[in-house]
Amino acid sequence: MTGATSHTKKDYQTLQELETVLSRLTETLSDLEQIITDVAIVDFHIHSRWRVYPQDVTAAPLLAAAGAANTFGGWVEIIPLNIVAFPFHVIGFCICQVSATTDYFIQLGYNTVNADPGANMEMGERRFRIATTPIAKQSELLEIYSQGVPANSRVMGRLKTASGAADTANVNVVLTRHIEVDREVPMWPAFPW
């Protein structure tokens, strides 16, 4: 302790300990501020606005199953590239019309380029049964919990059914803005986990 004339060695150690405590307190306050921000983001997700795509009510994309039971048909575009200018996630979809009474399985995916979804770009999926046609309640939202999707991404869907026929379903998707939290859990590197 050179140059210190008015403090004893014990006083100097106490000051160092106090400096350490203050530094830790500053870190804790910073962490608490981030927690408050993250809670606000969660609140935003609960109370945020939804948007339906496509916006044209006469244009619900037609997903088609392959002509064999439990086999996906091709990917079909639901939202084109460069339409949603912010990160988002799909919270569900609505079935507008179906071709048959059977078990349906829809999977949604995305890509940041004009191509089908690639590895680990599946956003979520949902299985359901249609017991009567025409559908009695077309406005029901079938929820999914999708991952965050980059801004301007293309959203696509595909379908498989239990019937073994090339069944079809017209769908629209419902999305909301995605805001990352400070300590977001990273996506597992292989779908579906």
N, C-alpha and C. Protein backbone atom coordinates (compact mmCIF):
# COMPACT_ATOMS: atom_id res chain seq x y z
N MET A 1 0.84 -1.17 0.00
CA MET A 1 0.00 0.00 0.00
C MET A 1 0.89 1.23 0.00
N THR A 2 1.44 1.53 -1.14
CA THR A 2 2.34 2.67 -1.23
C THR A 2 1.57 3.94 -1.44
N GLY A 3 2.04 5.03 -0.87
CA GLY A 3 1.43 6.33 -1.04
C GLY A 3 0.21 6.56 -0.17
N ALA A 4 -0.21 5.60 0.63
CA ALA A 4 -1.36 5.79 1.50
C ALA A 4 -0.86 6.21 2.87
N THR A 5 -1.22 7.38 3.29
CA THR A 5 -0.72 7.89 4.57
C THR A 5 -1.80 7.93 5.63
N SER A 6 -3.08 8.03 5.23
CA SER A 6 -4.12 8.20 6.24
C SER A 6 -4.92 6.93 6.52
N HIS A 7 -4.62 5.85 5.81
CA HIS A 7 -5.38 4.61 5.99
C HIS A 7 -4.45 3.50 6.47
N THR A 8 -5.00 2.71 7.31
CA THR A 8 -4.25 1.53 7.73
C THR A 8 -4.45 0.45 6.70
N LYS A 9 -3.68 -0.61 6.80
CA LYS A 9 -3.80 -1.74 5.88
C LYS A 9 -5.19 -2.36 5.99
N LYS A 10 -5.75 -2.45 7.19
CA LYS A 10 -7.08 -3.00 7.37
C LYS A 10 -8.14 -2.13 6.68
N ASP A 11 -8.00 -0.81 6.78
CA ASP A 11 -8.93 0.10 6.09
C ASP A 11 -8.86 -0.12 4.58
N TYR A 12 -7.67 -0.33 4.06
CA TYR A 12 -7.50 -0.56 2.62
C TYR A 12 -8.19 -1.86 2.20
N GLN A 13 -8.04 -2.92 2.99
CA GLN A 13 -8.70 -4.19 2.68
C GLN A 13 -10.23 -4.04 2.73
N THR A 14 -10.71 -3.29 3.69
CA THR A 14 -12.15 -3.04 3.80
C THR A 14 -12.66 -2.31 2.56
N LEU A 15 -11.91 -1.33 2.09
CA LEU A 15 -12.29 -0.61 0.88
C LEU A 15 -12.31 -1.53 -0.34
N GLN A 16 -11.33 -2.42 -0.43
CA GLN A 16 -11.30 -3.38 -1.55
C GLN A 16 -12.52 -4.31 -1.49
N GLU A 17 -12.85 -4.79 -0.28
CA GLU A 17 -14.01 -5.66 -0.13
C GLU A 17 -15.29 -4.92 -0.49
N LEU A 18 -15.40 -3.67 -0.08
CA LEU A 18 -16.55 -2.85 -0.41
C LEU A 18 -16.66 -2.65 -1.93
N GLU A 19 -15.54 -2.43 -2.57
CA GLU A 19 -15.53 -2.28 -4.03
C GLU A 19 -16.03 -3.56 -4.71
N THR A 20 -15.62 -4.72 -4.21
CA THR A 20 -16.08 -6.01 -4.74
C THR A 20 -17.58 -6.16 -4.56
N VAL A 21 -18.07 -5.83 -3.37
CA VAL A 21 -19.51 -5.92 -3.09
C VAL A 21 -20.30 -4.99 -4.03
N LEU A 22 -19.83 -3.77 -4.20
CA LEU A 22 -20.51 -2.82 -5.09
C LEU A 22 -20.50 -3.31 -6.53
N SER A 23 -19.40 -3.90 -6.95
CA SER A 23 -19.31 -4.44 -8.30
C SER A 23 -20.33 -5.57 -8.50
N ARG A 24 -20.43 -6.46 -7.50
CA ARG A 24 -21.40 -7.56 -7.59
C ARG A 24 -22.84 -7.02 -7.55
N LEU A 25 -23.07 -6.01 -6.75
CA LEU A 25 -24.39 -5.40 -6.69
C LEU A 25 -24.77 -4.77 -8.03
N THR A 26 -23.83 -4.13 -8.68
CA THR A 26 -24.07 -3.56 -10.01
C THR A 26 -24.43 -4.65 -11.01
N GLU A 27 -23.71 -5.78 -10.98
CA GLU A 27 -24.02 -6.90 -11.86
C GLU A 27 -25.41 -7.44 -11.58
N THR A 28 -25.76 -7.58 -10.30
CA THR A 28 -27.07 -8.09 -9.92
C THR A 28 -28.17 -7.15 -10.41
N LEU A 29 -27.98 -5.85 -10.24
CA LEU A 29 -28.97 -4.89 -10.72
C LEU A 29 -29.13 -4.97 -12.24
N SER A 30 -28.03 -5.14 -12.94
CA SER A 30 -28.08 -5.29 -14.39
C SER A 30 -28.87 -6.54 -14.77
N ASP A 31 -28.63 -7.65 -14.05
CA ASP A 31 -29.37 -8.89 -14.30
C ASP A 31 -30.86 -8.69 -14.03
N LEU A 32 -31.19 -7.99 -12.94
CA LEU A 32 -32.59 -7.73 -12.62
C LEU A 32 -33.26 -6.87 -13.68
N GLU A 33 -32.56 -5.88 -14.21
CA GLU A 33 -33.11 -5.06 -15.28
C GLU A 33 -33.42 -5.92 -16.50
N GLN A 34 -32.52 -6.87 -16.82
CA GLN A 34 -32.75 -7.74 -17.97
C GLN A 34 -33.93 -8.67 -17.71
N ILE A 35 -34.08 -9.15 -16.49
CA ILE A 35 -35.23 -10.00 -16.14
C ILE A 35 -36.52 -9.21 -16.32
N ILE A 36 -36.54 -7.98 -15.89
CA ILE A 36 -37.72 -7.14 -16.06
C ILE A 36 -38.04 -6.95 -17.54
N THR A 37 -37.01 -6.74 -18.35
CA THR A 37 -37.20 -6.62 -19.79
C THR A 37 -37.77 -7.91 -20.36
N ASP A 38 -37.22 -9.05 -19.94
CA ASP A 38 -37.70 -10.34 -20.44
C ASP A 38 -39.14 -10.60 -20.03
N VAL A 39 -39.52 -10.22 -18.82
CA VAL A 39 -40.91 -10.37 -18.40
C VAL A 39 -41.82 -9.49 -19.26
N ALA A 40 -41.36 -8.30 -19.59
CA ALA A 40 -42.14 -7.42 -20.47
C ALA A 40 -42.31 -8.05 -21.84
N ILE A 41 -41.29 -8.74 -22.33
CA ILE A 41 -41.38 -9.41 -23.63
C ILE A 41 -42.40 -10.54 -23.56
N VAL A 42 -42.37 -11.30 -22.47
CA VAL A 42 -43.37 -12.37 -22.30
C VAL A 42 -44.77 -11.77 -22.29
N ASP A 43 -44.94 -10.67 -21.58
CA ASP A 43 -46.23 -9.99 -21.56
C ASP A 43 -46.62 -9.55 -22.96
N PHE A 44 -45.67 -9.05 -23.73
CA PHE A 44 -45.94 -8.65 -25.11
C PHE A 44 -46.46 -9.85 -25.91
N HIS A 45 -45.81 -11.01 -25.75
CA HIS A 45 -46.24 -12.20 -26.50
C HIS A 45 -47.68 -12.58 -26.15
N ILE A 46 -48.05 -12.42 -24.90
CA ILE A 46 -49.40 -12.77 -24.48
C ILE A 46 -50.42 -11.78 -25.04
N HIS A 47 -50.04 -10.52 -25.11
CA HIS A 47 -50.98 -9.47 -25.50
C HIS A 47 -50.71 -8.89 -26.89
N SER A 48 -49.87 -9.50 -27.67
CA SER A 48 -49.53 -8.92 -28.96
C SER A 48 -50.64 -9.16 -29.99
N ARG A 49 -50.57 -8.39 -31.06
CA ARG A 49 -51.55 -8.52 -32.14
C ARG A 49 -51.24 -9.74 -32.99
N TRP A 50 -52.27 -10.35 -33.52
CA TRP A 50 -52.14 -11.46 -34.44
C TRP A 50 -52.37 -10.95 -35.86
N ARG A 51 -51.82 -11.67 -36.80
CA ARG A 51 -52.06 -11.33 -38.21
C ARG A 51 -52.29 -12.64 -38.96
N VAL A 52 -53.27 -12.63 -39.83
CA VAL A 52 -53.64 -13.82 -40.59
C VAL A 52 -53.05 -13.72 -41.99
N TYR A 53 -52.51 -14.82 -42.49
CA TYR A 53 -52.01 -14.89 -43.87
C TYR A 53 -52.57 -16.14 -44.52
N PRO A 54 -52.94 -16.04 -45.78
CA PRO A 54 -52.92 -14.83 -46.59
C PRO A 54 -54.01 -13.86 -46.15
N GLN A 55 -53.78 -12.59 -46.45
CA GLN A 55 -54.74 -11.54 -46.12
C GLN A 55 -55.97 -11.57 -47.03
N ASP A 56 -55.82 -12.07 -48.22
CA ASP A 56 -56.93 -12.19 -49.17
C ASP A 56 -57.84 -13.34 -48.72
N VAL A 57 -59.06 -13.04 -48.28
CA VAL A 57 -59.94 -14.07 -47.75
C VAL A 57 -60.41 -15.07 -48.81
N THR A 58 -60.22 -14.76 -50.07
CA THR A 58 -60.61 -15.71 -51.12
C THR A 58 -59.45 -16.62 -51.52
N ALA A 59 -58.31 -16.47 -50.88
CA ALA A 59 -57.12 -17.23 -51.29
C ALA A 59 -56.53 -18.00 -50.12
N ALA A 60 -57.09 -19.15 -49.79
CA ALA A 60 -56.53 -20.01 -48.76
C ALA A 60 -55.72 -21.10 -49.45
N PRO A 61 -54.41 -21.15 -49.23
CA PRO A 61 -53.57 -22.14 -49.93
C PRO A 61 -54.09 -23.57 -49.76
N LEU A 62 -53.97 -24.35 -50.82
CA LEU A 62 -54.45 -25.72 -50.86
C LEU A 62 -53.27 -26.67 -50.63
N LEU A 63 -53.29 -27.37 -49.48
CA LEU A 63 -52.29 -28.40 -49.20
C LEU A 63 -52.86 -29.73 -49.67
N ALA A 64 -52.03 -30.57 -50.27
CA ALA A 64 -52.49 -31.86 -50.78
C ALA A 64 -51.60 -32.98 -50.25
N ALA A 65 -52.24 -34.03 -49.75
CA ALA A 65 -51.50 -35.21 -49.31
C ALA A 65 -51.06 -36.02 -50.52
N ALA A 66 -50.03 -36.83 -50.33
CA ALA A 66 -49.64 -37.76 -51.39
C ALA A 66 -50.73 -38.83 -51.48
N GLY A 67 -50.76 -39.57 -52.55
CA GLY A 67 -51.80 -40.58 -52.76
C GLY A 67 -51.56 -41.86 -52.00
N ALA A 68 -50.86 -41.81 -50.89
CA ALA A 68 -50.63 -42.98 -50.04
C ALA A 68 -50.81 -42.57 -48.59
N ALA A 69 -51.34 -43.46 -47.79
CA ALA A 69 -51.60 -43.14 -46.38
C ALA A 69 -50.32 -42.75 -45.67
N ASN A 70 -50.44 -41.75 -44.79
CA ASN A 70 -49.33 -41.32 -43.94
C ASN A 70 -48.11 -40.87 -44.73
N THR A 71 -48.34 -40.23 -45.87
CA THR A 71 -47.24 -39.75 -46.72
C THR A 71 -47.49 -38.29 -47.05
N PHE A 72 -46.49 -37.45 -46.73
CA PHE A 72 -46.64 -36.02 -47.01
C PHE A 72 -46.69 -35.74 -48.50
N GLY A 73 -47.54 -34.79 -48.86
CA GLY A 73 -47.50 -34.21 -50.19
C GLY A 73 -46.40 -33.16 -50.22
N GLY A 74 -46.29 -32.43 -51.30
CA GLY A 74 -45.24 -31.42 -51.42
C GLY A 74 -45.51 -30.19 -50.57
N TRP A 75 -44.45 -29.41 -50.37
CA TRP A 75 -44.58 -28.14 -49.65
C TRP A 75 -45.35 -27.14 -50.51
N VAL A 76 -46.21 -26.35 -49.89
CA VAL A 76 -47.01 -25.33 -50.57
C VAL A 76 -46.78 -24.00 -49.87
N GLU A 77 -46.55 -22.96 -50.64
CA GLU A 77 -46.31 -21.63 -50.07
C GLU A 77 -47.58 -21.06 -49.45
N ILE A 78 -47.42 -20.54 -48.22
CA ILE A 78 -48.52 -19.86 -47.53
C ILE A 78 -48.22 -18.37 -47.41
N ILE A 79 -46.98 -18.04 -47.06
CA ILE A 79 -46.53 -16.64 -47.02
C ILE A 79 -45.29 -16.53 -47.90
N PRO A 80 -45.33 -15.70 -48.95
CA PRO A 80 -44.15 -15.54 -49.81
C PRO A 80 -43.00 -14.83 -49.08
N LEU A 81 -41.84 -14.89 -49.70
CA LEU A 81 -40.67 -14.15 -49.20
C LEU A 81 -40.98 -12.66 -49.10
N ASN A 82 -40.33 -12.01 -48.17
CA ASN A 82 -40.33 -10.54 -48.04
C ASN A 82 -41.72 -9.94 -47.79
N ILE A 83 -42.60 -10.67 -47.13
CA ILE A 83 -43.91 -10.14 -46.79
C ILE A 83 -43.95 -9.69 -45.34
N VAL A 84 -43.38 -10.47 -44.43
CA VAL A 84 -43.38 -10.15 -43.01
C VAL A 84 -42.00 -9.58 -42.67
N ALA A 85 -41.96 -8.29 -42.43
CA ALA A 85 -40.69 -7.56 -42.34
C ALA A 85 -40.04 -7.61 -40.95
N PHE A 86 -40.51 -8.47 -40.06
CA PHE A 86 -39.95 -8.57 -38.72
C PHE A 86 -39.89 -10.05 -38.32
N PRO A 87 -39.04 -10.40 -37.35
CA PRO A 87 -39.04 -11.79 -36.87
C PRO A 87 -40.43 -12.13 -36.31
N PHE A 88 -40.87 -13.36 -36.52
CA PHE A 88 -42.22 -13.74 -36.11
C PHE A 88 -42.26 -15.21 -35.72
N HIS A 89 -43.36 -15.62 -35.16
CA HIS A 89 -43.63 -17.04 -35.00
C HIS A 89 -45.11 -17.30 -35.27
N VAL A 90 -45.36 -18.46 -35.81
CA VAL A 90 -46.72 -18.86 -36.13
C VAL A 90 -47.33 -19.44 -34.86
N ILE A 91 -48.51 -18.94 -34.50
CA ILE A 91 -49.16 -19.45 -33.29
C ILE A 91 -50.23 -20.48 -33.61
N GLY A 92 -50.56 -20.62 -34.87
CA GLY A 92 -51.54 -21.63 -35.25
C GLY A 92 -52.02 -21.45 -36.66
N PHE A 93 -52.98 -22.28 -37.03
CA PHE A 93 -53.57 -22.16 -38.36
C PHE A 93 -55.04 -22.52 -38.29
N CYS A 94 -55.76 -22.11 -39.31
CA CYS A 94 -57.18 -22.42 -39.42
C CYS A 94 -57.40 -23.26 -40.68
N ILE A 95 -58.27 -24.21 -40.57
CA ILE A 95 -58.65 -25.03 -41.72
C ILE A 95 -59.89 -24.39 -42.33
N CYS A 96 -59.80 -24.02 -43.59
CA CYS A 96 -60.93 -23.36 -44.26
C CYS A 96 -61.84 -24.37 -44.95
N GLN A 97 -61.25 -25.43 -45.49
CA GLN A 97 -62.03 -26.45 -46.19
C GLN A 97 -61.18 -27.70 -46.32
N VAL A 98 -61.82 -28.86 -46.36
CA VAL A 98 -61.14 -30.13 -46.58
C VAL A 98 -61.91 -30.93 -47.62
N SER A 99 -61.25 -31.93 -48.17
CA SER A 99 -61.90 -32.73 -49.21
C SER A 99 -62.54 -34.01 -48.68
N ALA A 100 -62.21 -34.43 -47.46
CA ALA A 100 -62.71 -35.72 -46.98
C ALA A 100 -62.76 -35.75 -45.45
N THR A 101 -63.49 -36.71 -44.93
CA THR A 101 -63.49 -36.96 -43.49
C THR A 101 -62.41 -38.01 -43.22
N THR A 102 -61.37 -37.59 -42.51
CA THR A 102 -60.26 -38.49 -42.20
C THR A 102 -59.36 -37.81 -41.16
N ASP A 103 -58.27 -38.46 -40.81
CA ASP A 103 -57.26 -37.86 -39.93
C ASP A 103 -56.28 -37.07 -40.79
N TYR A 104 -56.02 -35.84 -40.36
CA TYR A 104 -55.12 -34.93 -41.08
C TYR A 104 -53.91 -34.63 -40.21
N PHE A 105 -52.78 -34.40 -40.87
CA PHE A 105 -51.54 -34.05 -40.18
C PHE A 105 -50.87 -32.96 -41.02
N ILE A 106 -50.78 -31.76 -40.44
CA ILE A 106 -50.18 -30.63 -41.17
C ILE A 106 -48.88 -30.23 -40.50
N GLN A 107 -47.87 -30.01 -41.31
CA GLN A 107 -46.57 -29.54 -40.82
C GLN A 107 -46.26 -28.22 -41.51
N LEU A 108 -45.77 -27.25 -40.73
CA LEU A 108 -45.37 -25.95 -41.27
C LEU A 108 -43.86 -25.83 -41.22
N GLY A 109 -43.30 -25.12 -42.18
CA GLY A 109 -41.86 -24.88 -42.23
C GLY A 109 -41.59 -23.53 -42.84
N TYR A 110 -40.33 -23.13 -42.83
CA TYR A 110 -39.95 -21.83 -43.39
C TYR A 110 -38.62 -21.95 -44.11
N ASN A 111 -38.31 -20.94 -44.88
CA ASN A 111 -36.98 -20.81 -45.46
C ASN A 111 -36.72 -19.32 -45.68
N THR A 112 -35.46 -18.93 -45.60
CA THR A 112 -35.09 -17.53 -45.80
C THR A 112 -34.81 -17.23 -47.27
N VAL A 113 -34.86 -18.25 -48.10
CA VAL A 113 -34.71 -18.09 -49.55
C VAL A 113 -35.92 -18.71 -50.23
N ASN A 114 -36.04 -18.53 -51.51
CA ASN A 114 -37.19 -19.05 -52.26
C ASN A 114 -37.01 -20.54 -52.55
N ALA A 115 -37.12 -21.34 -51.49
CA ALA A 115 -36.95 -22.79 -51.59
C ALA A 115 -37.78 -23.46 -50.50
N ASP A 116 -37.97 -24.78 -50.64
CA ASP A 116 -38.66 -25.53 -49.60
C ASP A 116 -37.88 -25.45 -48.28
N PRO A 117 -38.54 -25.69 -47.16
CA PRO A 117 -37.83 -25.69 -45.88
C PRO A 117 -36.69 -26.71 -45.89
N GLY A 118 -35.56 -26.31 -45.33
CA GLY A 118 -34.41 -27.18 -45.24
C GLY A 118 -34.36 -27.90 -43.90
N ALA A 119 -33.21 -28.49 -43.63
CA ALA A 119 -33.02 -29.22 -42.38
C ALA A 119 -33.27 -28.30 -41.18
N ASN A 120 -34.07 -28.76 -40.25
CA ASN A 120 -34.38 -28.06 -39.01
C ASN A 120 -35.11 -26.74 -39.23
N MET A 121 -35.83 -26.62 -40.33
CA MET A 121 -36.63 -25.42 -40.59
C MET A 121 -38.12 -25.70 -40.42
N GLU A 122 -38.46 -26.86 -39.84
CA GLU A 122 -39.85 -27.13 -39.52
C GLU A 122 -40.24 -26.25 -38.35
N MET A 123 -41.41 -25.64 -38.43
CA MET A 123 -41.86 -24.72 -37.38
C MET A 123 -42.77 -25.38 -36.38
N GLY A 124 -43.46 -26.40 -36.77
CA GLY A 124 -44.40 -27.07 -35.89
C GLY A 124 -45.38 -27.88 -36.71
N GLU A 125 -46.17 -28.65 -36.00
CA GLU A 125 -47.11 -29.53 -36.69
C GLU A 125 -48.32 -29.78 -35.81
N ARG A 126 -49.38 -30.27 -36.44
CA ARG A 126 -50.61 -30.52 -35.71
C ARG A 126 -51.37 -31.64 -36.40
N ARG A 127 -51.92 -32.53 -35.59
CA ARG A 127 -52.74 -33.62 -36.09
C ARG A 127 -54.17 -33.38 -35.60
N PHE A 128 -55.15 -33.68 -36.46
CA PHE A 128 -56.54 -33.49 -36.09
C PHE A 128 -57.42 -34.38 -36.97
N ARG A 129 -58.65 -34.58 -36.54
CA ARG A 129 -59.60 -35.39 -37.31
C ARG A 129 -60.76 -34.51 -37.75
N ILE A 130 -61.11 -34.65 -39.01
CA ILE A 130 -62.31 -34.00 -39.55
C ILE A 130 -63.37 -35.09 -39.66
N ALA A 131 -64.48 -34.90 -38.94
CA ALA A 131 -65.51 -35.94 -38.88
C ALA A 131 -66.67 -35.68 -39.83
N THR A 132 -66.87 -34.40 -40.23
CA THR A 132 -67.95 -34.09 -41.16
C THR A 132 -67.46 -33.05 -42.17
N THR A 133 -68.02 -33.14 -43.35
CA THR A 133 -67.76 -32.11 -44.35
C THR A 133 -69.11 -31.61 -44.84
N PRO A 134 -69.27 -30.33 -45.13
CA PRO A 134 -68.26 -29.30 -44.93
C PRO A 134 -67.97 -29.09 -43.44
N ILE A 135 -66.86 -28.46 -43.17
CA ILE A 135 -66.43 -28.22 -41.79
C ILE A 135 -67.46 -27.35 -41.08
N ALA A 136 -67.78 -27.72 -39.85
CA ALA A 136 -68.79 -26.98 -39.10
C ALA A 136 -68.26 -25.66 -38.55
N LYS A 137 -66.98 -25.60 -38.18
CA LYS A 137 -66.43 -24.40 -37.55
C LYS A 137 -65.08 -24.06 -38.19
N GLN A 138 -65.11 -23.30 -39.26
CA GLN A 138 -63.90 -22.99 -40.00
C GLN A 138 -63.00 -21.99 -39.30
N SER A 139 -63.51 -21.26 -38.33
CA SER A 139 -62.72 -20.20 -37.70
C SER A 139 -61.88 -20.68 -36.52
N GLU A 140 -61.93 -21.95 -36.18
CA GLU A 140 -61.20 -22.42 -35.02
C GLU A 140 -59.69 -22.40 -35.26
N LEU A 141 -58.97 -21.79 -34.32
CA LEU A 141 -57.52 -21.73 -34.41
C LEU A 141 -56.93 -23.01 -33.82
N LEU A 142 -56.19 -23.74 -34.64
CA LEU A 142 -55.47 -24.92 -34.16
C LEU A 142 -54.07 -24.45 -33.78
N GLU A 143 -53.81 -24.39 -32.49
CA GLU A 143 -52.56 -23.81 -32.00
C GLU A 143 -51.36 -24.71 -32.27
N ILE A 144 -50.24 -24.08 -32.53
CA ILE A 144 -48.94 -24.75 -32.53
C ILE A 144 -47.97 -23.82 -31.80
N TYR A 145 -46.87 -24.36 -31.35
CA TYR A 145 -45.84 -23.56 -30.70
C TYR A 145 -44.61 -23.61 -31.59
N SER A 146 -44.47 -22.60 -32.42
CA SER A 146 -43.37 -22.60 -33.38
C SER A 146 -42.16 -21.86 -32.83
N GLN A 147 -41.05 -22.10 -33.47
CA GLN A 147 -39.83 -21.37 -33.14
C GLN A 147 -39.90 -19.98 -33.76
N GLY A 148 -38.99 -19.10 -33.32
CA GLY A 148 -38.89 -17.80 -33.95
C GLY A 148 -38.43 -17.96 -35.39
N VAL A 149 -39.02 -17.18 -36.28
CA VAL A 149 -38.70 -17.25 -37.71
C VAL A 149 -38.08 -15.92 -38.13
N PRO A 150 -36.97 -15.96 -38.88
CA PRO A 150 -36.34 -14.71 -39.31
C PRO A 150 -37.27 -13.84 -40.16
N ALA A 151 -37.08 -12.55 -40.07
CA ALA A 151 -37.85 -11.60 -40.88
C ALA A 151 -37.75 -11.96 -42.36
N ASN A 152 -38.81 -11.68 -43.09
CA ASN A 152 -38.88 -11.86 -44.55
C ASN A 152 -38.83 -13.32 -45.01
N SER A 153 -38.99 -14.26 -44.09
CA SER A 153 -38.95 -15.67 -44.47
C SER A 153 -40.21 -16.11 -45.20
N ARG A 154 -40.06 -17.16 -45.96
CA ARG A 154 -41.16 -17.79 -46.67
C ARG A 154 -41.75 -18.88 -45.77
N VAL A 155 -43.07 -18.92 -45.60
CA VAL A 155 -43.72 -19.95 -44.79
C VAL A 155 -44.44 -20.91 -45.71
N MET A 156 -44.29 -22.20 -45.42
CA MET A 156 -44.90 -23.23 -46.26
C MET A 156 -45.57 -24.28 -45.39
N GLY A 157 -46.45 -25.05 -45.98
CA GLY A 157 -47.11 -26.14 -45.28
C GLY A 157 -47.16 -27.37 -46.15
N ARG A 158 -47.31 -28.51 -45.48
CA ARG A 158 -47.53 -29.76 -46.21
C ARG A 158 -48.46 -30.65 -45.40
N LEU A 159 -49.05 -31.63 -46.08
CA LEU A 159 -50.15 -32.40 -45.51
C LEU A 159 -49.95 -33.88 -45.76
N LYS A 160 -50.35 -34.69 -44.76
CA LYS A 160 -50.54 -36.12 -44.97
C LYS A 160 -51.84 -36.51 -44.27
N THR A 161 -52.46 -37.58 -44.75
CA THR A 161 -53.72 -38.03 -44.15
C THR A 161 -53.69 -39.54 -43.98
N ALA A 162 -54.71 -40.05 -43.29
CA ALA A 162 -54.78 -41.48 -43.02
C ALA A 162 -55.49 -42.26 -44.11
N SER A 163 -56.18 -41.57 -45.01
CA SER A 163 -57.09 -42.26 -45.94
C SER A 163 -56.40 -43.01 -47.07
N GLY A 164 -55.22 -42.58 -47.43
CA GLY A 164 -54.55 -43.18 -48.60
C GLY A 164 -54.90 -42.48 -49.89
N ALA A 165 -55.75 -41.46 -49.82
CA ALA A 165 -56.13 -40.69 -51.01
C ALA A 165 -55.34 -39.37 -51.01
N ALA A 166 -55.41 -38.68 -52.14
CA ALA A 166 -54.75 -37.37 -52.25
C ALA A 166 -55.68 -36.30 -51.69
N ASP A 167 -55.98 -36.40 -50.39
CA ASP A 167 -56.88 -35.45 -49.73
C ASP A 167 -56.26 -34.07 -49.72
N THR A 168 -57.14 -33.07 -49.56
CA THR A 168 -56.67 -31.68 -49.57
C THR A 168 -57.25 -30.91 -48.39
N ALA A 169 -56.57 -29.82 -48.05
CA ALA A 169 -57.05 -28.91 -47.01
C ALA A 169 -56.61 -27.50 -47.38
N ASN A 170 -57.56 -26.56 -47.33
CA ASN A 170 -57.23 -25.14 -47.50
C ASN A 170 -56.95 -24.56 -46.12
N VAL A 171 -55.85 -23.83 -45.98
CA VAL A 171 -55.44 -23.32 -44.67
C VAL A 171 -55.05 -21.85 -44.73
N ASN A 172 -55.05 -21.23 -43.57
CA ASN A 172 -54.36 -19.96 -43.40
C ASN A 172 -53.62 -20.04 -42.08
N VAL A 173 -52.61 -19.21 -41.92
CA VAL A 173 -51.81 -19.23 -40.70
C VAL A 173 -52.00 -17.93 -39.94
N VAL A 174 -51.79 -18.01 -38.64
CA VAL A 174 -51.89 -16.85 -37.76
C VAL A 174 -50.53 -16.67 -37.10
N LEU A 175 -50.00 -15.46 -37.17
CA LEU A 175 -48.68 -15.22 -36.61
C LEU A 175 -48.66 -13.99 -35.73
N THR A 176 -47.60 -13.87 -34.97
CA THR A 176 -47.36 -12.71 -34.14
C THR A 176 -45.88 -12.38 -34.19
N ARG A 177 -45.55 -11.18 -33.80
CA ARG A 177 -44.15 -10.73 -33.79
C ARG A 177 -43.35 -11.51 -32.76
N HIS A 178 -42.13 -11.83 -33.10
CA HIS A 178 -41.23 -12.54 -32.18
C HIS A 178 -40.17 -11.56 -31.68
N ILE A 179 -40.07 -11.44 -30.37
CA ILE A 179 -39.03 -10.61 -29.76
C ILE A 179 -38.18 -11.53 -28.90
N GLU A 180 -36.89 -11.54 -29.15
CA GLU A 180 -36.00 -12.43 -28.39
C GLU A 180 -35.80 -11.91 -26.97
N VAL A 181 -35.72 -12.86 -26.06
CA VAL A 181 -35.38 -12.52 -24.69
C VAL A 181 -33.87 -12.61 -24.53
N ASP A 182 -33.36 -12.10 -23.44
CA ASP A 182 -31.92 -12.04 -23.23
C ASP A 182 -31.27 -13.42 -23.17
N ARG A 183 -31.92 -14.34 -22.52
CA ARG A 183 -31.34 -15.69 -22.35
C ARG A 183 -32.24 -16.73 -23.02
N GLU A 184 -32.54 -16.53 -24.28
CA GLU A 184 -33.42 -17.44 -25.01
C GLU A 184 -32.77 -18.81 -25.10
N VAL A 185 -33.56 -19.84 -24.86
CA VAL A 185 -33.06 -21.21 -24.95
C VAL A 185 -32.81 -21.52 -26.42
N PRO A 186 -31.61 -21.97 -26.76
CA PRO A 186 -31.35 -22.24 -28.18
C PRO A 186 -32.18 -23.42 -28.69
N MET A 187 -32.52 -23.35 -29.96
CA MET A 187 -33.28 -24.42 -30.57
C MET A 187 -32.44 -25.69 -30.60
N TRP A 188 -33.08 -26.83 -30.32
CA TRP A 188 -32.38 -28.12 -30.40
C TRP A 188 -31.97 -28.33 -31.84
N PRO A 189 -30.79 -28.89 -32.09
CA PRO A 189 -30.27 -28.94 -33.47
C PRO A 189 -30.97 -29.91 -34.41
N ALA A 190 -31.94 -30.69 -33.94
CA ALA A 190 -32.64 -31.62 -34.84
C ALA A 190 -34.12 -31.60 -34.53
N PHE A 191 -34.95 -31.40 -35.56
CA PHE A 191 -36.39 -31.42 -35.38
C PHE A 191 -36.81 -32.82 -34.99
N PRO A 192 -37.79 -33.05 -34.12
CA PRO A 192 -38.70 -32.05 -33.59
C PRO A 192 -38.30 -31.49 -32.24
N TRP A 193 -37.23 -31.87 -31.68
CA TRP A 193 -36.88 -31.40 -30.33
C TRP A 193 -35.94 -30.27 -30.45
